[in-house]
Amino acid sequence: MKSLILHCSKFNSEFKSLATRPKNIEPETVNQTKWEHNESVVALITVEKEDNIETISSQMAEELKNILKDLGKESLVIVPFAHLSNNIADHRSALSFLDLLEDKLKGFKISRVHFGSHKSLLLDIPGHVGNVRFREF
């Protein structure tokens, strides 16, 4: 699992179309088409083939809790983002990971951007120490 974790003073995303790659992808049902958040931690997440979903979701949840505490934020945006690896997991594993991660982060304000789509991203990242962090488990 690889993740780029950002402190965003402003985050916007808009659904554009369903993804057709990788082969056999099954996108989630589209229930929401726009996401707008202020003063949030945004986690761009790529789940990889060999990932132990249960173990890594627990590790990632703890890391995100620490980052939220460090930055003094309560709002987290989870963005499925297949672009951090050439070794991505199948859609079932990725969705399972995202569901587990969300469950382990109850108590925070969590928003999850659509899985399996092309979407626009607007990231306003303030300049300070710890505004961008890369994590790999």
C-alpha atoms as a PDB file:
ATOM      1  CA  MET A   1       0.000   0.000   0.000  1.00  0.00           C
ATOM      2  CA  LYS A   2       1.286   3.384  -0.927  1.00  0.00           C
ATOM      3  CA  SER A   3      -0.200   6.693   0.056  1.00  0.00           C
ATOM      4  CA  LEU A   4       0.415  10.368  -0.426  1.00  0.00           C
ATOM      5  CA  ILE A   5      -1.040  12.213   2.556  1.00  0.00           C
ATOM      6  CA  LEU A   6      -1.655  15.941   2.228  1.00  0.00           C
ATOM      7  CA  HIS A   7      -2.841  18.744   4.449  1.00  0.00           C
ATOM      8  CA  CYS A   8      -5.225  20.654   2.201  1.00  0.00           C
ATOM      9  CA  SER A   9      -6.682  24.013   3.101  1.00  0.00           C
ATOM     10  CA  LYS A  10      -9.094  23.303   0.243  1.00  0.00           C
ATOM     11  CA  PHE A  11      -9.927  20.054  -1.576  1.00  0.00           C
ATOM     12  CA  ASN A  12     -12.384  19.657  -4.429  1.00  0.00           C
ATOM     13  CA  SER A  13     -13.077  16.680  -6.640  1.00  0.00           C
ATOM     14  CA  GLU A  14     -15.683  16.043  -9.292  1.00  0.00           C
ATOM     15  CA  PHE A  15     -16.701  12.761 -10.927  1.00  0.00           C
ATOM     16  CA  LYS A  16     -16.141  12.839 -14.704  1.00  0.00           C
ATOM     17  CA  SER A  17     -16.585   9.271 -16.016  1.00  0.00           C
ATOM     18  CA  LEU A  18     -16.254   5.617 -15.031  1.00  0.00           C
ATOM     19  CA  ALA A  19     -12.856   3.996 -15.443  1.00  0.00           C
ATOM     20  CA  THR A  20     -12.420   1.193 -17.968  1.00  0.00           C
ATOM     21  CA  ARG A  21      -8.890   0.253 -16.873  1.00  0.00           C
ATOM     22  CA  PRO A  22      -7.461  -1.870 -15.520  1.00  0.00           C
ATOM     23  CA  LYS A  23      -9.201  -4.731 -17.240  1.00  0.00           C
ATOM     24  CA  ASN A  24     -12.072  -6.188 -15.177  1.00  0.00           C
ATOM     25  CA  ILE A  25     -12.453  -3.137 -12.924  1.00  0.00           C
ATOM     26  CA  GLU A  26     -15.876  -2.833 -11.325  1.00  0.00           C
ATOM     27  CA  PRO A  27     -16.429   0.756 -10.202  1.00  0.00           C
ATOM     28  CA  GLU A  28     -18.588   1.550  -7.201  1.00  0.00           C
ATOM     29  CA  THR A  29     -22.105   2.798  -7.790  1.00  0.00           C
ATOM     30  CA  VAL A  30     -22.027   6.550  -8.299  1.00  0.00           C
ATOM     31  CA  ASN A  31     -23.951   8.067  -5.377  1.00  0.00           C
ATOM     32  CA  GLN A  32     -22.120  11.377  -5.227  1.00  0.00           C
ATOM     33  CA  THR A  33     -20.433  13.413  -7.947  1.00  0.00           C
ATOM     34  CA  LYS A  34     -18.784  16.298  -6.056  1.00  0.00           C
ATOM     35  CA  TRP A  35     -16.636  16.535  -2.945  1.00  0.00           C
ATOM     36  CA  GLU A  36     -15.642  19.832  -1.316  1.00  0.00           C
ATOM     37  CA  HIS A  37     -13.684  20.083   1.929  1.00  0.00           C
ATOM     38  CA  ASN A  38     -11.766  22.734   3.804  1.00  0.00           C
ATOM     39  CA  GLU A  39      -8.927  22.161   6.280  1.00  0.00           C
ATOM     40  CA  SER A  40      -8.715  18.413   5.767  1.00  0.00           C
ATOM     41  CA  VAL A  41      -6.151  15.682   5.600  1.00  0.00           C
ATOM     42  CA  VAL A  42      -6.379  14.070   2.159  1.00  0.00           C
ATOM     43  CA  ALA A  43      -5.034  10.541   1.667  1.00  0.00           C
ATOM     44  CA  LEU A  44      -4.420   9.405  -1.918  1.00  0.00           C
ATOM     45  CA  ILE A  45      -4.269   5.619  -1.534  1.00  0.00           C
ATOM     46  CA  THR A  46      -3.059   2.807  -3.800  1.00  0.00           C
ATOM     47  CA  VAL A  47      -3.646  -0.769  -2.637  1.00  0.00           C
ATOM     48  CA  GLU A  48      -1.133  -3.263  -4.055  1.00  0.00           C
ATOM     49  CA  LYS A  49      -1.409  -6.959  -4.971  1.00  0.00           C
ATOM     50  CA  GLU A  50       0.614  -8.426  -2.098  1.00  0.00           C
ATOM     51  CA  ASP A  51      -0.940  -6.259   0.616  1.00  0.00           C
ATOM     52  CA  ASN A  52      -2.323  -7.982   3.691  1.00  0.00           C
ATOM     53  CA  ILE A  53      -5.528  -5.955   3.771  1.00  0.00           C
ATOM     54  CA  GLU A  54      -6.347  -6.423   7.468  1.00  0.00           C
ATOM     55  CA  THR A  55      -2.843  -5.698   8.787  1.00  0.00           C
ATOM     56  CA  ILE A  56      -2.122  -2.761   6.507  1.00  0.00           C
ATOM     57  CA  SER A  57      -5.522  -1.129   7.048  1.00  0.00           C
ATOM     58  CA  SER A  58      -4.785  -1.156  10.801  1.00  0.00           C
ATOM     59  CA  GLN A  59      -1.306   0.329  10.266  1.00  0.00           C
ATOM     60  CA  MET A  60      -2.650   2.979   7.908  1.00  0.00           C
ATOM     61  CA  ALA A  61      -5.489   3.883  10.282  1.00  0.00           C
ATOM     62  CA  GLU A  62      -3.008   4.434  13.123  1.00  0.00           C
ATOM     63  CA  GLU A  63      -0.756   6.532  10.881  1.00  0.00           C
ATOM     64  CA  LEU A  64      -3.693   8.673   9.747  1.00  0.00           C
ATOM     65  CA  LYS A  65      -4.853   9.161  13.349  1.00  0.00           C
ATOM     66  CA  ASN A  66      -1.341  10.356  14.250  1.00  0.00           C
ATOM     67  CA  ILE A  67      -1.220  12.743  11.281  1.00  0.00           C
ATOM     68  CA  LEU A  68      -4.688  14.135  12.034  1.00  0.00           C
ATOM     69  CA  LYS A  69      -3.630  14.707  15.652  1.00  0.00           C
ATOM     70  CA  ASP A  70      -0.286  16.222  14.586  1.00  0.00           C
ATOM     71  CA  LEU A  71      -2.033  18.679  12.262  1.00  0.00           C
ATOM     72  CA  GLY A  72      -4.944  19.335  14.637  1.00  0.00           C
ATOM     73  CA  LYS A  73      -7.548  18.205  12.086  1.00  0.00           C
ATOM     74  CA  GLU A  74     -10.691  16.066  12.411  1.00  0.00           C
ATOM     75  CA  SER A  75     -11.624  15.826   8.726  1.00  0.00           C
ATOM     76  CA  LEU A  76     -10.174  13.112   6.489  1.00  0.00           C
ATOM     77  CA  VAL A  77     -10.759  12.619   2.770  1.00  0.00           C
ATOM     78  CA  ILE A  78      -9.889   9.185   1.386  1.00  0.00           C
ATOM     79  CA  VAL A  79      -9.140   9.186  -2.335  1.00  0.00           C
ATOM     80  CA  PRO A  80      -8.669   5.856  -4.157  1.00  0.00           C
ATOM     81  CA  PHE A  81      -5.684   6.623  -6.376  1.00  0.00           C
ATOM     82  CA  ALA A  82      -4.185   3.838  -8.498  1.00  0.00           C
ATOM     83  CA  HIS A  83      -1.388   6.062  -9.820  1.00  0.00           C
ATOM     84  CA  LEU A  84       1.213   5.415  -7.094  1.00  0.00           C
ATOM     85  CA  SER A  85       2.093   1.871  -8.202  1.00  0.00           C
ATOM     86  CA  ASN A  86       2.369  -0.437 -11.205  1.00  0.00           C
ATOM     87  CA  ASN A  87       1.364  -3.350  -8.992  1.00  0.00           C
ATOM     88  CA  ILE A  88      -2.223  -2.468  -8.059  1.00  0.00           C
ATOM     89  CA  ALA A  89      -4.591  -4.856  -6.305  1.00  0.00           C
ATOM     90  CA  ASP A  90      -7.821  -6.033  -7.911  1.00  0.00           C
ATOM     91  CA  HIS A  91     -10.888  -3.898  -7.274  1.00  0.00           C
ATOM     92  CA  ARG A  92     -12.333  -6.274  -4.657  1.00  0.00           C
ATOM     93  CA  SER A  93      -9.193  -6.088  -2.508  1.00  0.00           C
ATOM     94  CA  ALA A  94      -8.951  -2.331  -2.907  1.00  0.00           C
ATOM     95  CA  LEU A  95     -12.578  -1.807  -1.900  1.00  0.00           C
ATOM     96  CA  SER A  96     -12.179  -4.160   1.074  1.00  0.00           C
ATOM     97  CA  PHE A  97      -9.149  -2.164   2.208  1.00  0.00           C
ATOM     98  CA  LEU A  98     -11.018   1.140   1.908  1.00  0.00           C
ATOM     99  CA  ASP A  99     -14.025  -0.228   3.828  1.00  0.00           C
ATOM    100  CA  LEU A 100     -11.790  -1.574   6.616  1.00  0.00           C
ATOM    101  CA  LEU A 101      -9.849   1.683   6.792  1.00  0.00           C
ATOM    102  CA  GLU A 102     -13.023   3.733   7.106  1.00  0.00           C
ATOM    103  CA  ASP A 103     -14.328   1.408   9.815  1.00  0.00           C
ATOM    104  CA  LYS A 104     -11.084   1.754  11.809  1.00  0.00           C
ATOM    105  CA  LEU A 105     -11.285   5.545  11.633  1.00  0.00           C
ATOM    106  CA  LYS A 106     -14.755   5.971  13.143  1.00  0.00           C
ATOM    107  CA  GLY A 107     -14.897   9.075  15.279  1.00  0.00           C
ATOM    108  CA  PHE A 108     -13.352  11.284  12.603  1.00  0.00           C
ATOM    109  CA  LYS A 109     -15.208  13.174   9.880  1.00  0.00           C
ATOM    110  CA  ILE A 110     -14.504  10.905   6.901  1.00  0.00           C
ATOM    111  CA  SER A 111     -15.378  11.378   3.266  1.00  0.00           C
ATOM    112  CA  ARG A 112     -14.463   8.879   0.573  1.00  0.00           C
ATOM    113  CA  VAL A 113     -14.181   9.897  -3.054  1.00  0.00           C
ATOM    114  CA  HIS A 114     -15.601   7.514  -5.659  1.00  0.00           C
ATOM    115  CA  PHE A 115     -13.647   4.351  -6.506  1.00  0.00           C
ATOM    116  CA  GLY A 116     -13.296   3.434 -10.172  1.00  0.00           C
ATOM    117  CA  SER A 117     -13.685   6.746 -11.928  1.00  0.00           C
ATOM    118  CA  HIS A 118     -11.878   9.568 -13.604  1.00  0.00           C
ATOM    119  CA  LYS A 119     -12.231  12.665 -11.481  1.00  0.00           C
ATOM    120  CA  SER A 120     -10.915  16.174 -11.296  1.00  0.00           C
ATOM    121  CA  LEU A 121      -8.819  17.142  -8.288  1.00  0.00           C
ATOM    122  CA  LEU A 122      -8.173  20.558  -6.799  1.00  0.00           C
ATOM    123  CA  LEU A 123      -5.614  20.513  -4.007  1.00  0.00           C
ATOM    124  CA  ASP A 124      -4.697  23.705  -2.158  1.00  0.00           C
ATOM    125  CA  ILE A 125      -1.745  22.694   0.003  1.00  0.00           C
ATOM    126  CA  PRO A 126      -0.360  25.298   2.416  1.00  0.00           C
ATOM    127  CA  GLY A 127       3.409  25.543   2.732  1.00  0.00           C
ATOM    128  CA  HIS A 128       4.521  24.142   6.070  1.00  0.00           C
ATOM    129  CA  VAL A 129       6.495  21.232   7.523  1.00  0.00           C
ATOM    130  CA  GLY A 130       4.474  18.021   7.187  1.00  0.00           C
ATOM    131  CA  ASN A 131       2.092  19.323   4.536  1.00  0.00           C
ATOM    132  CA  VAL A 132       2.936  16.381   2.225  1.00  0.00           C
ATOM    133  CA  ARG A 133       3.852  12.905   3.469  1.00  0.00           C
ATOM    134  CA  PHE A 134       4.486   9.666   1.595  1.00  0.00           C
ATOM    135  CA  ARG A 135       3.774   6.364   3.325  1.00  0.00           C
ATOM    136  CA  GLU A 136       4.394   2.788   2.201  1.00  0.00           C
ATOM    137  CA  PHE A 137       3.357  -0.312   4.140  1.00  0.00           C
END
